[in-house]
PDB file of all heavy atoms in Angstrom:
ATOM      1  N   PHE A   1     -15.949   7.521 -14.746  1.00  0.00           N
ATOM      2  CA  PHE A   1     -15.508   7.054 -13.417  1.00  0.00           C
ATOM      3  C   PHE A   1     -14.358   6.006 -13.674  1.00  0.00           C
ATOM      4  O   PHE A   1     -13.495   5.941 -12.826  1.00  0.00           O
ATOM      5  CB  PHE A   1     -16.523   6.547 -12.580  1.00  0.00           C
ATOM      6  CG  PHE A   1     -17.376   7.680 -11.967  1.00  0.00           C
ATOM      7  CD1 PHE A   1     -18.676   7.955 -12.221  1.00  0.00           C
ATOM      8  CD2 PHE A   1     -16.756   8.761 -11.180  1.00  0.00           C
ATOM      9  CE1 PHE A   1     -19.447   8.978 -11.777  1.00  0.00           C
ATOM     10  CE2 PHE A   1     -17.495   9.862 -10.673  1.00  0.00           C
ATOM     11  CZ  PHE A   1     -18.857   9.936 -11.019  1.00  0.00           C
ATOM     12  N   SER A   2     -14.557   5.133 -14.563  1.00  0.00           N
ATOM     13  CA  SER A   2     -13.547   4.008 -14.819  1.00  0.00           C
ATOM     14  C   SER A   2     -12.184   4.676 -15.175  1.00  0.00           C
ATOM     15  O   SER A   2     -11.149   4.328 -14.794  1.00  0.00           O
ATOM     16  CB  SER A   2     -13.958   3.025 -15.957  1.00  0.00           C
ATOM     17  OG  SER A   2     -15.128   2.415 -15.552  1.00  0.00           O
ATOM     18  N   LEU A   3     -12.281   5.644 -16.094  1.00  0.00           N
ATOM     19  CA  LEU A   3     -11.067   6.223 -16.574  1.00  0.00           C
ATOM     20  C   LEU A   3     -10.332   7.099 -15.525  1.00  0.00           C
ATOM     21  O   LEU A   3      -9.098   7.032 -15.330  1.00  0.00           O
ATOM     22  CB  LEU A   3     -11.213   7.118 -17.812  1.00  0.00           C
ATOM     23  CG  LEU A   3     -11.548   6.346 -19.062  1.00  0.00           C
ATOM     24  CD1 LEU A   3     -11.824   7.211 -20.178  1.00  0.00           C
ATOM     25  CD2 LEU A   3     -10.360   5.517 -19.504  1.00  0.00           C
ATOM     26  N   SER A   4     -11.227   7.737 -14.660  1.00  0.00           N
ATOM     27  CA  SER A   4     -10.631   8.631 -13.705  1.00  0.00           C
ATOM     28  C   SER A   4      -9.907   7.779 -12.511  1.00  0.00           C
ATOM     29  O   SER A   4      -8.981   8.093 -11.965  1.00  0.00           O
ATOM     30  CB  SER A   4     -11.613   9.527 -12.980  1.00  0.00           C
ATOM     31  OG  SER A   4     -12.605   8.849 -12.431  1.00  0.00           O
ATOM     32  N   THR A   5     -10.581   6.575 -12.200  1.00  0.00           N
ATOM     33  CA  THR A   5     -10.046   5.706 -11.200  1.00  0.00           C
ATOM     34  C   THR A   5      -8.585   5.198 -11.678  1.00  0.00           C
ATOM     35  O   THR A   5      -7.746   5.109 -11.038  1.00  0.00           O
ATOM     36  CB  THR A   5     -10.932   4.592 -10.967  1.00  0.00           C
ATOM     37  OG1 THR A   5     -12.136   5.100 -10.429  1.00  0.00           O
ATOM     38  CG2 THR A   5     -10.379   3.528  -9.960  1.00  0.00           C
ATOM     39  N   ALA A   6      -8.562   4.719 -12.971  1.00  0.00           N
ATOM     40  CA  ALA A   6      -7.486   4.176 -13.652  1.00  0.00           C
ATOM     41  C   ALA A   6      -6.280   5.253 -13.686  1.00  0.00           C
ATOM     42  O   ALA A   6      -5.053   4.984 -13.303  1.00  0.00           O
ATOM     43  CB  ALA A   6      -7.688   3.724 -14.917  1.00  0.00           C
ATOM     44  N   LEU A   7      -6.624   6.559 -13.849  1.00  0.00           N
ATOM     45  CA  LEU A   7      -5.673   7.577 -14.045  1.00  0.00           C
ATOM     46  C   LEU A   7      -5.135   7.921 -12.652  1.00  0.00           C
ATOM     47  O   LEU A   7      -3.891   8.317 -12.451  1.00  0.00           O
ATOM     48  CB  LEU A   7      -6.211   8.807 -14.683  1.00  0.00           C
ATOM     49  CG  LEU A   7      -6.494   8.598 -16.224  1.00  0.00           C
ATOM     50  CD1 LEU A   7      -7.154   9.894 -16.706  1.00  0.00           C
ATOM     51  CD2 LEU A   7      -5.207   8.319 -16.943  1.00  0.00           C
ATOM     52  N   ASN A   8      -5.880   7.789 -11.557  1.00  0.00           N
ATOM     53  CA  ASN A   8      -5.589   8.178 -10.243  1.00  0.00           C
ATOM     54  C   ASN A   8      -5.001   7.024  -9.380  1.00  0.00           C
ATOM     55  O   ASN A   8      -4.816   7.088  -8.216  1.00  0.00           O
ATOM     56  CB  ASN A   8      -6.726   8.807  -9.470  1.00  0.00           C
ATOM     57  CG  ASN A   8      -7.019  10.228  -9.995  1.00  0.00           C
ATOM     58  OD1 ASN A   8      -6.111  10.965 -10.417  1.00  0.00           O
ATOM     59  ND2 ASN A   8      -8.331  10.639 -10.138  1.00  0.00           N
ATOM     60  N   ALA A   9      -4.806   5.797  -9.940  1.00  0.00           N
ATOM     61  CA  ALA A   9      -4.421   4.597  -9.213  1.00  0.00           C
ATOM     62  C   ALA A   9      -2.968   4.953  -8.651  1.00  0.00           C
ATOM     63  O   ALA A   9      -2.248   5.675  -9.205  1.00  0.00           O
ATOM     64  CB  ALA A   9      -4.348   3.389 -10.244  1.00  0.00           C
ATOM     65  N   GLN A  10      -2.656   4.181  -7.576  1.00  0.00           N
ATOM     66  CA  GLN A  10      -1.508   4.392  -6.898  1.00  0.00           C
ATOM     67  C   GLN A  10      -0.370   3.941  -7.714  1.00  0.00           C
ATOM     68  O   GLN A  10      -0.270   2.856  -8.284  1.00  0.00           O
ATOM     69  CB  GLN A  10      -1.461   3.578  -5.661  1.00  0.00           C
ATOM     70  CG  GLN A  10      -0.163   3.706  -4.824  1.00  0.00           C
ATOM     71  CD  GLN A  10      -0.213   2.918  -3.467  1.00  0.00           C
ATOM     72  OE1 GLN A  10      -1.054   1.958  -3.322  1.00  0.00           O
ATOM     73  NE2 GLN A  10       0.809   3.149  -2.661  1.00  0.00           N
ATOM     74  N   ASP A  11       0.776   4.787  -7.826  1.00  0.00           N
ATOM     75  CA  ASP A  11       1.973   4.475  -8.628  1.00  0.00           C
ATOM     76  C   ASP A  11       2.980   3.966  -7.421  1.00  0.00           C
ATOM     77  O   ASP A  11       3.570   4.770  -6.728  1.00  0.00           O
ATOM     78  CB  ASP A  11       2.481   5.676  -9.313  1.00  0.00           C
ATOM     79  CG  ASP A  11       3.793   5.569  -9.964  1.00  0.00           C
ATOM     80  OD1 ASP A  11       4.265   4.327 -10.065  1.00  0.00           O
ATOM     81  OD2 ASP A  11       4.297   6.488 -10.587  1.00  0.00           O
ATOM     82  N   LYS A  12       3.129   2.749  -7.445  1.00  0.00           N
ATOM     83  CA  LYS A  12       4.024   2.128  -6.423  1.00  0.00           C
ATOM     84  C   LYS A  12       5.498   2.781  -6.430  1.00  0.00           C
ATOM     85  O   LYS A  12       6.106   2.815  -5.374  1.00  0.00           O
ATOM     86  CB  LYS A  12       4.100   0.598  -6.539  1.00  0.00           C
ATOM     87  CG  LYS A  12       2.886  -0.092  -6.161  1.00  0.00           C
ATOM     88  CD  LYS A  12       3.067  -1.618  -6.269  1.00  0.00           C
ATOM     89  CE  LYS A  12       1.719  -2.320  -5.868  1.00  0.00           C
ATOM     90  NZ  LYS A  12       1.885  -3.711  -5.996  1.00  0.00           N
ATOM     91  N   SER A  13       6.037   3.026  -7.528  1.00  0.00           N
ATOM     92  CA  SER A  13       7.288   3.597  -7.661  1.00  0.00           C
ATOM     93  C   SER A  13       7.458   4.953  -6.965  1.00  0.00           C
ATOM     94  O   SER A  13       8.497   5.355  -6.624  1.00  0.00           O
ATOM     95  CB  SER A  13       7.767   3.666  -9.213  1.00  0.00           C
ATOM     96  OG  SER A  13       6.896   4.526  -9.928  1.00  0.00           O
ATOM     97  N   GLN A  14       6.261   5.748  -7.010  1.00  0.00           N
ATOM     98  CA  GLN A  14       6.335   7.038  -6.458  1.00  0.00           C
ATOM     99  C   GLN A  14       5.776   7.107  -5.037  1.00  0.00           C
ATOM    100  O   GLN A  14       6.305   7.762  -4.166  1.00  0.00           O
ATOM    101  CB  GLN A  14       5.395   7.952  -7.290  1.00  0.00           C
ATOM    102  CG  GLN A  14       5.322   9.340  -6.833  1.00  0.00           C
ATOM    103  CD  GLN A  14       4.535  10.311  -7.613  1.00  0.00           C
ATOM    104  OE1 GLN A  14       4.081   9.913  -8.736  1.00  0.00           O
ATOM    105  NE2 GLN A  14       4.421  11.410  -7.252  1.00  0.00           N
ATOM    106  N   ASP A  15       4.635   6.257  -4.762  1.00  0.00           N
ATOM    107  CA  ASP A  15       4.019   6.307  -3.431  1.00  0.00           C
ATOM    108  C   ASP A  15       4.321   5.266  -2.528  1.00  0.00           C
ATOM    109  O   ASP A  15       4.104   5.367  -1.330  1.00  0.00           O
ATOM    110  CB  ASP A  15       2.496   6.293  -3.615  1.00  0.00           C
ATOM    111  CG  ASP A  15       1.977   7.486  -4.459  1.00  0.00           C
ATOM    112  OD1 ASP A  15       2.629   8.516  -4.381  1.00  0.00           O
ATOM    113  OD2 ASP A  15       1.003   7.380  -5.206  1.00  0.00           O
ATOM    114  N   GLY A  16       5.058   4.204  -3.011  1.00  0.00           N
ATOM    115  CA  GLY A  16       5.302   3.058  -2.161  1.00  0.00           C
ATOM    116  C   GLY A  16       4.171   2.076  -2.018  1.00  0.00           C
ATOM    117  O   GLY A  16       3.065   2.373  -2.623  1.00  0.00           O
ATOM    118  N   ASP A  17       4.336   1.014  -1.202  1.00  0.00           N
ATOM    119  CA  ASP A  17       3.230   0.160  -0.990  1.00  0.00           C
ATOM    120  C   ASP A  17       3.476  -0.437   0.411  1.00  0.00           C
ATOM    121  O   ASP A  17       4.526  -0.406   0.933  1.00  0.00           O
ATOM    122  CB  ASP A  17       3.056  -0.889  -2.060  1.00  0.00           C
ATOM    123  CG  ASP A  17       4.210  -1.664  -2.276  1.00  0.00           C
ATOM    124  OD1 ASP A  17       5.265  -1.400  -1.897  1.00  0.00           O
ATOM    125  OD2 ASP A  17       4.085  -2.644  -3.088  1.00  0.00           O
ATOM    126  N   TRP A  18       2.414  -1.154   0.872  1.00  0.00           N
ATOM    127  CA  TRP A  18       2.596  -1.851   2.242  1.00  0.00           C
ATOM    128  C   TRP A  18       3.466  -3.140   2.015  1.00  0.00           C
ATOM    129  O   TRP A  18       3.216  -3.863   1.123  1.00  0.00           O
ATOM    130  CB  TRP A  18       1.140  -2.137   2.649  1.00  0.00           C
ATOM    131  CG  TRP A  18       0.296  -1.079   3.116  1.00  0.00           C
ATOM    132  CD1 TRP A  18      -0.576  -0.336   2.428  1.00  0.00           C
ATOM    133  CD2 TRP A  18       0.292  -0.361   4.284  1.00  0.00           C
ATOM    134  NE1 TRP A  18      -1.038   0.740   3.086  1.00  0.00           N
ATOM    135  CE2 TRP A  18      -0.569   0.683   4.252  1.00  0.00           C
ATOM    136  CE3 TRP A  18       1.066  -0.602   5.548  1.00  0.00           C
ATOM    137  CZ2 TRP A  18      -0.745   1.561   5.400  1.00  0.00           C
ATOM    138  CZ3 TRP A  18       0.910   0.210   6.583  1.00  0.00           C
ATOM    139  CH2 TRP A  18       0.032   1.309   6.515  1.00  0.00           C
ATOM    140  N   SER A  19       4.121  -3.465   3.081  1.00  0.00           N
ATOM    141  CA  SER A  19       4.845  -4.651   3.143  1.00  0.00           C
ATOM    142  C   SER A  19       3.970  -5.807   3.608  1.00  0.00           C
ATOM    143  O   SER A  19       2.836  -5.552   4.073  1.00  0.00           O
ATOM    144  CB  SER A  19       6.064  -4.573   4.005  1.00  0.00           C
ATOM    145  OG  SER A  19       5.798  -4.640   5.374  1.00  0.00           O
ATOM    146  N   ASP A  20       4.622  -7.073   3.648  1.00  0.00           N
ATOM    147  CA  ASP A  20       3.898  -8.056   4.430  1.00  0.00           C
ATOM    148  C   ASP A  20       3.850  -7.765   5.865  1.00  0.00           C
ATOM    149  O   ASP A  20       4.651  -6.924   6.437  1.00  0.00           O
ATOM    150  CB  ASP A  20       4.652  -9.380   4.180  1.00  0.00           C
ATOM    151  CG  ASP A  20       4.610  -9.917   2.688  1.00  0.00           C
ATOM    152  OD1 ASP A  20       3.647  -9.566   2.123  1.00  0.00           O
ATOM    153  OD2 ASP A  20       5.544 -10.525   2.168  1.00  0.00           O
ATOM    154  N   ILE A  21       3.130  -8.527   6.647  1.00  0.00           N
ATOM    155  CA  ILE A  21       3.007  -8.267   8.076  1.00  0.00           C
ATOM    156  C   ILE A  21       4.387  -8.748   8.704  1.00  0.00           C
ATOM    157  O   ILE A  21       4.999  -9.753   8.244  1.00  0.00           O
ATOM    158  CB  ILE A  21       1.884  -9.137   8.711  1.00  0.00           C
ATOM    159  CG1 ILE A  21       0.553  -8.616   8.120  1.00  0.00           C
ATOM    160  CG2 ILE A  21       1.934  -9.172  10.215  1.00  0.00           C
ATOM    161  CD1 ILE A  21      -0.729  -9.512   8.621  1.00  0.00           C
ATOM    162  N   ILE A  22       4.928  -7.951   9.648  1.00  0.00           N
ATOM    163  CA  ILE A  22       6.267  -8.228  10.286  1.00  0.00           C
ATOM    164  C   ILE A  22       5.819  -9.269  11.303  1.00  0.00           C
ATOM    165  O   ILE A  22       5.188  -8.864  12.346  1.00  0.00           O
ATOM    166  CB  ILE A  22       6.823  -6.962  10.820  1.00  0.00           C
ATOM    167  CG1 ILE A  22       7.169  -5.991   9.538  1.00  0.00           C
ATOM    168  CG2 ILE A  22       8.056  -7.341  11.493  1.00  0.00           C
ATOM    169  CD1 ILE A  22       7.555  -4.630   9.911  1.00  0.00           C
ATOM    170  N   PRO A  23       6.538 -10.405  11.297  1.00  0.00           N
ATOM    171  CA  PRO A  23       6.146 -11.402  12.351  1.00  0.00           C
ATOM    172  C   PRO A  23       7.023 -11.095  13.666  1.00  0.00           C
ATOM    173  O   PRO A  23       8.303 -11.032  13.601  1.00  0.00           O
ATOM    174  CB  PRO A  23       6.660 -12.728  11.726  1.00  0.00           C
ATOM    175  CG  PRO A  23       7.694 -12.321  10.707  1.00  0.00           C
ATOM    176  CD  PRO A  23       7.356 -10.965  10.133  1.00  0.00           C
ATOM    177  N   LEU A  24       6.382 -10.769  14.627  1.00  0.00           N
ATOM    178  CA  LEU A  24       6.867 -10.686  16.060  1.00  0.00           C
ATOM    179  C   LEU A  24       6.194 -11.561  17.025  1.00  0.00           C
ATOM    180  O   LEU A  24       5.121 -11.990  16.856  1.00  0.00           O
ATOM    181  CB  LEU A  24       6.699  -9.167  16.464  1.00  0.00           C
ATOM    182  CG  LEU A  24       7.495  -8.109  15.780  1.00  0.00           C
ATOM    183  CD1 LEU A  24       7.066  -6.712  16.181  1.00  0.00           C
ATOM    184  CD2 LEU A  24       9.043  -8.245  15.886  1.00  0.00           C
ATOM    185  N   GLU A  25       6.960 -11.782  18.153  1.00  0.00           N
ATOM    186  CA  GLU A  25       6.379 -12.596  19.050  1.00  0.00           C
ATOM    187  C   GLU A  25       5.466 -11.834  20.176  1.00  0.00           C
ATOM    188  O   GLU A  25       4.791 -12.458  20.864  1.00  0.00           O
ATOM    189  CB  GLU A  25       7.417 -13.335  19.909  1.00  0.00           C
ATOM    190  CG  GLU A  25       8.121 -14.360  19.093  1.00  0.00           C
ATOM    191  CD  GLU A  25       9.149 -15.252  19.886  1.00  0.00           C
ATOM    192  OE1 GLU A  25       9.086 -15.379  20.993  1.00  0.00           O
ATOM    193  OE2 GLU A  25      10.119 -15.784  19.102  1.00  0.00           O
ATOM    194  N   VAL A  26       5.504 -10.599  20.042  1.00  0.00           N
ATOM    195  CA  VAL A  26       4.717  -9.741  20.959  1.00  0.00           C
ATOM    196  C   VAL A  26       3.910  -8.717  20.041  1.00  0.00           C
ATOM    197  O   VAL A  26       4.323  -8.528  18.873  1.00  0.00           O
ATOM    198  CB  VAL A  26       5.541  -8.902  21.908  1.00  0.00           C
ATOM    199  CG1 VAL A  26       6.391  -9.802  22.784  1.00  0.00           C
ATOM    200  CG2 VAL A  26       6.493  -7.961  21.234  1.00  0.00           C
ATOM    201  N   ILE A  27       2.892  -8.157  20.562  1.00  0.00           N
ATOM    202  CA  ILE A  27       2.135  -7.067  19.927  1.00  0.00           C
ATOM    203  C   ILE A  27       2.664  -5.865  20.625  1.00  0.00           C
ATOM    204  O   ILE A  27       2.305  -5.521  21.820  1.00  0.00           O
ATOM    205  CB  ILE A  27       0.633  -7.336  20.060  1.00  0.00           C
ATOM    206  CG1 ILE A  27       0.196  -8.547  19.413  1.00  0.00           C
ATOM    207  CG2 ILE A  27      -0.072  -5.959  19.542  1.00  0.00           C
ATOM    208  CD1 ILE A  27      -1.316  -8.998  19.552  1.00  0.00           C
ATOM    209  N   PRO A  28       3.385  -5.017  19.900  1.00  0.00           N
ATOM    210  CA  PRO A  28       4.017  -3.828  20.464  1.00  0.00           C
ATOM    211  C   PRO A  28       2.960  -2.667  20.854  1.00  0.00           C
ATOM    212  O   PRO A  28       2.021  -2.363  20.115  1.00  0.00           O
ATOM    213  CB  PRO A  28       4.922  -3.317  19.402  1.00  0.00           C
ATOM    214  CG  PRO A  28       5.072  -4.352  18.503  1.00  0.00           C
ATOM    215  CD  PRO A  28       3.838  -5.200  18.483  1.00  0.00           C
ATOM    216  N   VAL A  29       3.204  -2.168  21.982  1.00  0.00           N
ATOM    217  CA  VAL A  29       2.431  -0.930  22.531  1.00  0.00           C
ATOM    218  C   VAL A  29       3.385   0.178  22.664  1.00  0.00           C
ATOM    219  O   VAL A  29       2.903   1.246  22.862  1.00  0.00           O
ATOM    220  CB  VAL A  29       1.608  -1.231  23.703  1.00  0.00           C
ATOM    221  CG1 VAL A  29       0.464  -2.291  23.514  1.00  0.00           C
ATOM    222  CG2 VAL A  29       2.468  -1.605  24.897  1.00  0.00           C
TER     223      VAL A  29
END
């Protein structure tokens, strides 16, 4: 399970990643 988790970890160069929270003065709906 340790090896399979390491092999399936997210590749940021291929899958991307989340940015920081975007600061807005409103909560968009």
